[in-house]
Amino acid sequence: MAFVRHIQRDDREIRSIHPTQLDCKYIVQDKDGRKVLQLNTYGSEDRDIPGKLSQTLQFSEGSAKELYEILKREFGF
């Protein structure tokens, strides 16, 4: 679980596509006077407790905008 403060490009290569598939849900809330986007991933069907909250990433407005710009540039959105 972490709060993302900045996103930057990593020039290493992706070695493979991860075989595990899971669900991701998001929450947007005002917290302590600022808007926060939270992405929650949930355990895959193969885990001991399927569907259990697994990882959480939080984005400020600034880091969410960085993510948006990356998606727009890399995927043509």
PDB file of N, CA and C in Angstrom:
ATOM      1  N   MET A   1       0.845  -1.164   0.000  1.00  0.00           N
ATOM      2  CA  MET A   1       0.000   0.000   0.000  1.00  0.00           C
ATOM      3  C   MET A   1       0.892   1.230   0.000  1.00  0.00           C
ATOM      4  N   ALA A   2       0.610   2.128  -0.935  1.00  0.00           N
ATOM      5  CA  ALA A   2       1.482   3.283  -1.067  1.00  0.00           C
ATOM      6  C   ALA A   2       0.745   4.451  -1.694  1.00  0.00           C
ATOM      7  N   PHE A   3       1.264   5.652  -1.419  1.00  0.00           N
ATOM      8  CA  PHE A   3       0.762   6.884  -2.013  1.00  0.00           C
ATOM      9  C   PHE A   3       1.757   7.279  -3.104  1.00  0.00           C
ATOM     10  N   VAL A   4       1.296   7.323  -4.346  1.00  0.00           N
ATOM     11  CA  VAL A   4       2.158   7.618  -5.488  1.00  0.00           C
ATOM     12  C   VAL A   4       2.357   9.127  -5.578  1.00  0.00           C
ATOM     13  N   ARG A   5       3.598   9.571  -5.467  1.00  0.00           N
ATOM     14  CA  ARG A   5       3.852  11.013  -5.526  1.00  0.00           C
ATOM     15  C   ARG A   5       4.298  11.464  -6.907  1.00  0.00           C
ATOM     16  N   HIS A   6       4.888  10.538  -7.701  1.00  0.00           N
ATOM     17  CA  HIS A   6       5.383  10.903  -9.025  1.00  0.00           C
ATOM     18  C   HIS A   6       5.519   9.636  -9.859  1.00  0.00           C
ATOM     19  N   ILE A   7       5.279   9.750 -11.150  1.00  0.00           N
ATOM     20  CA  ILE A   7       5.438   8.616 -12.073  1.00  0.00           C
ATOM     21  C   ILE A   7       6.470   9.008 -13.118  1.00  0.00           C
ATOM     22  N   GLN A   8       7.431   8.136 -13.346  1.00  0.00           N
ATOM     23  CA  GLN A   8       8.396   8.398 -14.400  1.00  0.00           C
ATOM     24  C   GLN A   8       8.659   7.126 -15.193  1.00  0.00           C
ATOM     25  N   ARG A   9       9.147   7.307 -16.407  1.00  0.00           N
ATOM     26  CA  ARG A   9       9.394   6.191 -17.320  1.00  0.00           C
ATOM     27  C   ARG A   9      10.572   5.354 -16.831  1.00  0.00           C
ATOM     28  N   ASP A  10      10.433   4.046 -16.946  1.00  0.00           N
ATOM     29  CA  ASP A  10      11.504   3.084 -16.666  1.00  0.00           C
ATOM     30  C   ASP A  10      11.880   2.477 -18.012  1.00  0.00           C
ATOM     31  N   ASP A  11      13.138   2.527 -18.385  1.00  0.00           N
ATOM     32  CA  ASP A  11      13.561   2.080 -19.713  1.00  0.00           C
ATOM     33  C   ASP A  11      13.859   0.590 -19.811  1.00  0.00           C
ATOM     34  N   ARG A  12      13.655  -0.138 -18.714  1.00  0.00           N
ATOM     35  CA  ARG A  12      13.862  -1.591 -18.793  1.00  0.00           C
ATOM     36  C   ARG A  12      12.730  -2.214 -19.613  1.00  0.00           C
ATOM     37  N   GLU A  13      12.956  -3.444 -20.064  1.00  0.00           N
ATOM     38  CA  GLU A  13      11.947  -4.149 -20.851  1.00  0.00           C
ATOM     39  C   GLU A  13      11.068  -5.012 -19.957  1.00  0.00           C
ATOM     40  N   ILE A  14       9.831  -5.207 -20.390  1.00  0.00           N
ATOM     41  CA  ILE A  14       8.926  -6.150 -19.727  1.00  0.00           C
ATOM     42  C   ILE A  14       9.316  -7.543 -20.196  1.00  0.00           C
ATOM     43  N   ARG A  15       9.647  -8.405 -19.265  1.00  0.00           N
ATOM     44  CA  ARG A  15      10.115  -9.752 -19.633  1.00  0.00           C
ATOM     45  C   ARG A  15       8.971 -10.668 -20.069  1.00  0.00           C
ATOM     46  N   SER A  16       7.817 -10.534 -19.425  1.00  0.00           N
ATOM     47  CA  SER A  16       6.678 -11.379 -19.782  1.00  0.00           C
ATOM     48  C   SER A  16       5.403 -10.743 -19.232  1.00  0.00           C
ATOM     49  N   ILE A  17       4.279 -11.223 -19.715  1.00  0.00           N
ATOM     50  CA  ILE A  17       2.988 -10.804 -19.192  1.00  0.00           C
ATOM     51  C   ILE A  17       2.702 -11.661 -17.963  1.00  0.00           C
ATOM     52  N   HIS A  18       2.309 -11.036 -16.864  1.00  0.00           N
ATOM     53  CA  HIS A  18       2.006 -11.799 -15.651  1.00  0.00           C
ATOM     54  C   HIS A  18       0.830 -12.750 -15.914  1.00  0.00           C
ATOM     55  N   PRO A  19       0.947 -13.993 -15.483  1.00  0.00           N
ATOM     56  CA  PRO A  19      -0.122 -14.964 -15.751  1.00  0.00           C
ATOM     57  C   PRO A  19      -1.359 -14.774 -14.861  1.00  0.00           C
ATOM     58  N   THR A  20      -1.179 -14.164 -13.690  1.00  0.00           N
ATOM     59  CA  THR A  20      -2.286 -14.012 -12.750  1.00  0.00           C
ATOM     60  C   THR A  20      -3.192 -12.868 -13.180  1.00  0.00           C
ATOM     61  N   GLN A  21      -4.481 -13.157 -13.227  1.00  0.00           N
ATOM     62  CA  GLN A  21      -5.470 -12.133 -13.547  1.00  0.00           C
ATOM     63  C   GLN A  21      -6.303 -11.866 -12.303  1.00  0.00           C
ATOM     64  N   LEU A  22      -6.637 -10.598 -12.084  1.00  0.00           N
ATOM     65  CA  LEU A  22      -7.415 -10.237 -10.906  1.00  0.00           C
ATOM     66  C   LEU A  22      -8.280  -9.034 -11.212  1.00  0.00           C
ATOM     67  N   ASP A  23      -9.090  -8.650 -10.258  1.00  0.00           N
ATOM     68  CA  ASP A  23      -9.958  -7.496 -10.407  1.00  0.00           C
ATOM     69  C   ASP A  23      -9.352  -6.291  -9.711  1.00  0.00           C
ATOM     70  N   CYS A  24      -9.683  -5.126 -10.230  1.00  0.00           N
ATOM     71  CA  CYS A  24      -9.233  -3.867  -9.645  1.00  0.00           C
ATOM     72  C   CYS A  24     -10.458  -2.960  -9.515  1.00  0.00           C
ATOM     73  N   LYS A  25     -10.585  -2.324  -8.379  1.00  0.00           N
ATOM     74  CA  LYS A  25     -11.669  -1.372  -8.146  1.00  0.00           C
ATOM     75  C   LYS A  25     -11.054  -0.036  -7.764  1.00  0.00           C
ATOM     76  N   TYR A  26     -11.807   1.040  -7.973  1.00  0.00           N
ATOM     77  CA  TYR A  26     -11.274   2.343  -7.606  1.00  0.00           C
ATOM     78  C   TYR A  26     -12.238   3.099  -6.712  1.00  0.00           C
ATOM     79  N   ILE A  27     -11.662   4.013  -5.938  1.00  0.00           N
ATOM     80  CA  ILE A  27     -12.410   4.908  -5.054  1.00  0.00           C
ATOM     81  C   ILE A  27     -11.846   6.305  -5.295  1.00  0.00           C
ATOM     82  N   VAL A  28     -12.712   7.308  -5.376  1.00  0.00           N
ATOM     83  CA  VAL A  28     -12.277   8.695  -5.410  1.00  0.00           C
ATOM     84  C   VAL A  28     -12.970   9.407  -4.262  1.00  0.00           C
ATOM     85  N   GLN A  29     -12.175  10.051  -3.403  1.00  0.00           N
ATOM     86  CA  GLN A  29     -12.728  10.752  -2.243  1.00  0.00           C
ATOM     87  C   GLN A  29     -11.892  11.981  -1.940  1.00  0.00           C
ATOM     88  N   ASP A  30     -12.530  12.941  -1.295  1.00  0.00           N
ATOM     89  CA  ASP A  30     -11.798  14.057  -0.712  1.00  0.00           C
ATOM     90  C   ASP A  30     -11.323  13.603   0.659  1.00  0.00           C
ATOM     91  N   LYS A  31     -10.029  13.700   0.893  1.00  0.00           N
ATOM     92  CA  LYS A  31      -9.439  13.276   2.161  1.00  0.00           C
ATOM     93  C   LYS A  31      -8.459  14.347   2.617  1.00  0.00           C
ATOM     94  N   ASP A  32      -8.674  14.848   3.799  1.00  0.00           N
ATOM     95  CA  ASP A  32      -7.788  15.877   4.361  1.00  0.00           C
ATOM     96  C   ASP A  32      -7.633  17.068   3.412  1.00  0.00           C
ATOM     97  N   GLY A  33      -8.718  17.453   2.755  1.00  0.00           N
ATOM     98  CA  GLY A  33      -8.707  18.626   1.900  1.00  0.00           C
ATOM     99  C   GLY A  33      -8.163  18.432   0.503  1.00  0.00           C
ATOM    100  N   ARG A  34      -7.917  17.185   0.105  1.00  0.00           N
ATOM    101  CA  ARG A  34      -7.469  16.948  -1.269  1.00  0.00           C
ATOM    102  C   ARG A  34      -8.147  15.713  -1.832  1.00  0.00           C
ATOM    103  N   LYS A  35      -8.318  15.709  -3.145  1.00  0.00           N
ATOM    104  CA  LYS A  35      -8.961  14.584  -3.819  1.00  0.00           C
ATOM    105  C   LYS A  35      -7.937  13.478  -4.019  1.00  0.00           C
ATOM    106  N   VAL A  36      -8.343  12.242  -3.714  1.00  0.00           N
ATOM    107  CA  VAL A  36      -7.455  11.082  -3.816  1.00  0.00           C
ATOM    108  C   VAL A  36      -8.143   9.994  -4.633  1.00  0.00           C
ATOM    109  N   LEU A  37      -7.392   9.438  -5.598  1.00  0.00           N
ATOM    110  CA  LEU A  37      -7.822   8.254  -6.350  1.00  0.00           C
ATOM    111  C   LEU A  37      -7.128   7.064  -5.729  1.00  0.00           C
ATOM    112  N   GLN A  38      -7.889   6.030  -5.370  1.00  0.00           N
ATOM    113  CA  GLN A  38      -7.295   4.809  -4.815  1.00  0.00           C
ATOM    114  C   GLN A  38      -7.671   3.640  -5.699  1.00  0.00           C
ATOM    115  N   LEU A  39      -6.657   2.881  -6.131  1.00  0.00           N
ATOM    116  CA  LEU A  39      -6.863   1.653  -6.894  1.00  0.00           C
ATOM    117  C   LEU A  39      -6.633   0.471  -5.965  1.00  0.00           C
ATOM    118  N   ASN A  40      -7.602  -0.411  -5.860  1.00  0.00           N
ATOM    119  CA  ASN A  40      -7.513  -1.600  -5.014  1.00  0.00           C
ATOM    120  C   ASN A  40      -7.495  -2.846  -5.898  1.00  0.00           C
ATOM    121  N   THR A  41      -6.515  -3.717  -5.683  1.00  0.00           N
ATOM    122  CA  THR A  41      -6.527  -5.002  -6.367  1.00  0.00           C
ATOM    123  C   THR A  41      -6.911  -6.082  -5.364  1.00  0.00           C
ATOM    124  N   TYR A  42      -7.524  -7.120  -5.889  1.00  0.00           N
ATOM    125  CA  TYR A  42      -8.074  -8.186  -5.052  1.00  0.00           C
ATOM    126  C   TYR A  42      -7.476  -9.512  -5.457  1.00  0.00           C
ATOM    127  N   GLY A  43      -7.303 -10.385  -4.487  1.00  0.00           N
ATOM    128  CA  GLY A  43      -6.680 -11.683  -4.706  1.00  0.00           C
ATOM    129  C   GLY A  43      -7.314 -12.469  -5.832  1.00  0.00           C
ATOM    130  N   SER A  44      -6.470 -13.157  -6.585  1.00  0.00           N
ATOM    131  CA  SER A  44      -6.946 -13.981  -7.698  1.00  0.00           C
ATOM    132  C   SER A  44      -7.701 -15.197  -7.173  1.00  0.00           C
ATOM    133  N   GLU A  45      -8.309 -15.917  -8.086  1.00  0.00           N
ATOM    134  CA  GLU A  45      -9.073 -17.109  -7.727  1.00  0.00           C
ATOM    135  C   GLU A  45      -8.186 -18.210  -7.150  1.00  0.00           C
ATOM    136  N   ASP A  46      -6.874 -18.147  -7.419  1.00  0.00           N
ATOM    137  CA  ASP A  46      -5.935 -19.174  -6.955  1.00  0.00           C
ATOM    138  C   ASP A  46      -5.385 -18.914  -5.555  1.00  0.00           C
ATOM    139  N   ARG A  47      -5.671 -17.772  -4.974  1.00  0.00           N
ATOM    140  CA  ARG A  47      -5.121 -17.432  -3.664  1.00  0.00           C
ATOM    141  C   ARG A  47      -5.860 -18.160  -2.554  1.00  0.00           C
ATOM    142  N   ASP A  48      -5.240 -18.196  -1.381  1.00  0.00           N
ATOM    143  CA  ASP A  48      -5.858 -18.844  -0.219  1.00  0.00           C
ATOM    144  C   ASP A  48      -7.214 -18.220   0.097  1.00  0.00           C
ATOM    145  N   ILE A  49      -7.276 -16.882   0.001  1.00  0.00           N
ATOM    146  CA  ILE A  49      -8.536 -16.171   0.236  1.00  0.00           C
ATOM    147  C   ILE A  49      -8.861 -15.373  -1.025  1.00  0.00           C
ATOM    148  N   PRO A  50      -9.531 -15.998  -2.006  1.00  0.00           N
ATOM    149  CA  PRO A  50      -9.857 -15.298  -3.242  1.00  0.00           C
ATOM    150  C   PRO A  50     -10.702 -14.056  -2.950  1.00  0.00           C
ATOM    151  N   GLY A  51     -10.412 -12.983  -3.675  1.00  0.00           N
ATOM    152  CA  GLY A  51     -11.200 -11.771  -3.531  1.00  0.00           C
ATOM    153  C   GLY A  51     -10.795 -10.872  -2.373  1.00  0.00           C
ATOM    154  N   LYS A  52      -9.805 -11.278  -1.579  1.00  0.00           N
ATOM    155  CA  LYS A  52      -9.346 -10.457  -0.456  1.00  0.00           C
ATOM    156  C   LYS A  52      -8.534  -9.275  -0.987  1.00  0.00           C
ATOM    157  N   LEU A  53      -8.725  -8.089  -0.376  1.00  0.00           N
ATOM    158  CA  LEU A  53      -7.957  -6.906  -0.763  1.00  0.00           C
ATOM    159  C   LEU A  53      -6.470  -7.233  -0.697  1.00  0.00           C
ATOM    160  N   SER A  54      -5.757  -6.943  -1.775  1.00  0.00           N
ATOM    161  CA  SER A  54      -4.365  -7.338  -1.879  1.00  0.00           C
ATOM    162  C   SER A  54      -3.424  -6.136  -1.883  1.00  0.00           C
ATOM    163  N   GLN A  55      -3.549  -5.264  -2.865  1.00  0.00           N
ATOM    164  CA  GLN A  55      -2.674  -4.100  -3.001  1.00  0.00           C
ATOM    165  C   GLN A  55      -3.514  -2.842  -3.148  1.00  0.00           C
ATOM    166  N   THR A  56      -2.985  -1.718  -2.669  1.00  0.00           N
ATOM    167  CA  THR A  56      -3.652  -0.433  -2.763  1.00  0.00           C
ATOM    168  C   THR A  56      -2.652   0.619  -3.207  1.00  0.00           C
ATOM    169  N   LEU A  57      -2.996   1.382  -4.234  1.00  0.00           N
ATOM    170  CA  LEU A  57      -2.195   2.520  -4.667  1.00  0.00           C
ATOM    171  C   LEU A  57      -3.063   3.763  -4.602  1.00  0.00           C
ATOM    172  N   GLN A  58      -2.557   4.820  -4.004  1.00  0.00           N
ATOM    173  CA  GLN A  58      -3.280   6.088  -3.933  1.00  0.00           C
ATOM    174  C   GLN A  58      -2.556   7.125  -4.780  1.00  0.00           C
ATOM    175  N   PHE A  59      -3.353   7.954  -5.485  1.00  0.00           N
ATOM    176  CA  PHE A  59      -2.829   8.991  -6.357  1.00  0.00           C
ATOM    177  C   PHE A  59      -3.404  10.336  -5.944  1.00  0.00           C
ATOM    178  N   SER A  60      -2.535  11.337  -5.860  1.00  0.00           N
ATOM    179  CA  SER A  60      -2.994  12.709  -5.675  1.00  0.00           C
ATOM    180  C   SER A  60      -3.517  13.212  -7.015  1.00  0.00           C
ATOM    181  N   GLU A  61      -4.054  14.400  -7.032  1.00  0.00           N
ATOM    182  CA  GLU A  61      -4.487  14.970  -8.301  1.00  0.00           C
ATOM    183  C   GLU A  61      -3.307  15.070  -9.270  1.00  0.00           C
ATOM    184  N   GLY A  62      -2.143  15.450  -8.754  1.00  0.00           N
ATOM    185  CA  GLY A  62      -0.962  15.586  -9.602  1.00  0.00           C
ATOM    186  C   GLY A  62      -0.480  14.273 -10.192  1.00  0.00           C
ATOM    187  N   SER A  63      -0.366  13.236  -9.357  1.00  0.00           N
ATOM    188  CA  SER A  63       0.108  11.948  -9.878  1.00  0.00           C
ATOM    189  C   SER A  63      -0.953  11.276 -10.748  1.00  0.00           C
ATOM    190  N   ALA A  64      -2.231  11.525 -10.471  1.00  0.00           N
ATOM    191  CA  ALA A  64      -3.302  11.006 -11.345  1.00  0.00           C
ATOM    192  C   ALA A  64      -3.228  11.664 -12.711  1.00  0.00           C
ATOM    193  N   LYS A  65      -2.899  12.958 -12.732  1.00  0.00           N
ATOM    194  CA  LYS A  65      -2.748  13.650 -14.014  1.00  0.00           C
ATOM    195  C   LYS A  65      -1.562  13.086 -14.783  1.00  0.00           C
ATOM    196  N   GLU A  66      -0.463  12.775 -14.099  1.00  0.00           N
ATOM    197  CA  GLU A  66       0.672  12.139 -14.760  1.00  0.00           C
ATOM    198  C   GLU A  66       0.256  10.810 -15.380  1.00  0.00           C
ATOM    199  N   LEU A  67      -0.496  10.006 -14.642  1.00  0.00           N
ATOM    200  CA  LEU A  67      -0.983   8.724 -15.156  1.00  0.00           C
ATOM    201  C   LEU A  67      -1.876   8.940 -16.377  1.00  0.00           C
ATOM    202  N   TYR A  68      -2.759   9.909 -16.300  1.00  0.00           N
ATOM    203  CA  TYR A  68      -3.652  10.240 -17.425  1.00  0.00           C
ATOM    204  C   TYR A  68      -2.832  10.604 -18.664  1.00  0.00           C
ATOM    205  N   GLU A  69      -1.823  11.449 -18.495  1.00  0.00           N
ATOM    206  CA  GLU A  69      -0.990  11.873 -19.626  1.00  0.00           C
ATOM    207  C   GLU A  69      -0.229  10.690 -20.222  1.00  0.00           C
ATOM    208  N   ILE A  70       0.239   9.777 -19.383  1.00  0.00           N
ATOM    209  CA  ILE A  70       0.923   8.574 -19.868  1.00  0.00           C
ATOM    210  C   ILE A  70      -0.043   7.714 -20.688  1.00  0.00           C
ATOM    211  N   LEU A  71      -1.237   7.486 -20.163  1.00  0.00           N
ATOM    212  CA  LEU A  71      -2.225   6.672 -20.878  1.00  0.00           C
ATOM    213  C   LEU A  71      -2.617   7.314 -22.207  1.00  0.00           C
ATOM    214  N   LYS A  72      -2.782   8.615 -22.191  1.00  0.00           N
ATOM    215  CA  LYS A  72      -3.144   9.343 -23.408  1.00  0.00           C
ATOM    216  C   LYS A  72      -2.037   9.210 -24.451  1.00  0.00           C
ATOM    217  N   ARG A  73      -0.799   9.397 -24.027  1.00  0.00           N
ATOM    218  CA  ARG A  73       0.340   9.341 -24.959  1.00  0.00           C
ATOM    219  C   ARG A  73       0.599   7.921 -25.456  1.00  0.00           C
ATOM    220  N   GLU A  74       0.625   6.950 -24.534  1.00  0.00           N
ATOM    221  CA  GLU A  74       1.039   5.593 -24.896  1.00  0.00           C
ATOM    222  C   GLU A  74      -0.057   4.762 -25.572  1.00  0.00           C
ATOM    223  N   PHE A  75      -1.314   5.034 -25.230  1.00  0.00           N
ATOM    224  CA  PHE A  75      -2.418   4.254 -25.789  1.00  0.00           C
ATOM    225  C   PHE A  75      -3.279   5.053 -26.776  1.00  0.00           C
ATOM    226  N   GLY A  76      -2.977   6.339 -26.923  1.00  0.00           N
ATOM    227  CA  GLY A  76      -3.703   7.157 -27.893  1.00  0.00           C
ATOM    228  C   GLY A  76      -5.111   7.522 -27.449  1.00  0.00           C
ATOM    229  N   PHE A  77      -5.378   7.555 -26.156  1.00  0.00           N
ATOM    230  CA  PHE A  77      -6.705   7.915 -25.664  1.00  0.00           C
ATOM    231  C   PHE A  77      -6.937   9.403 -25.863  1.00  0.00           C
TER     232      PHE A  77
END
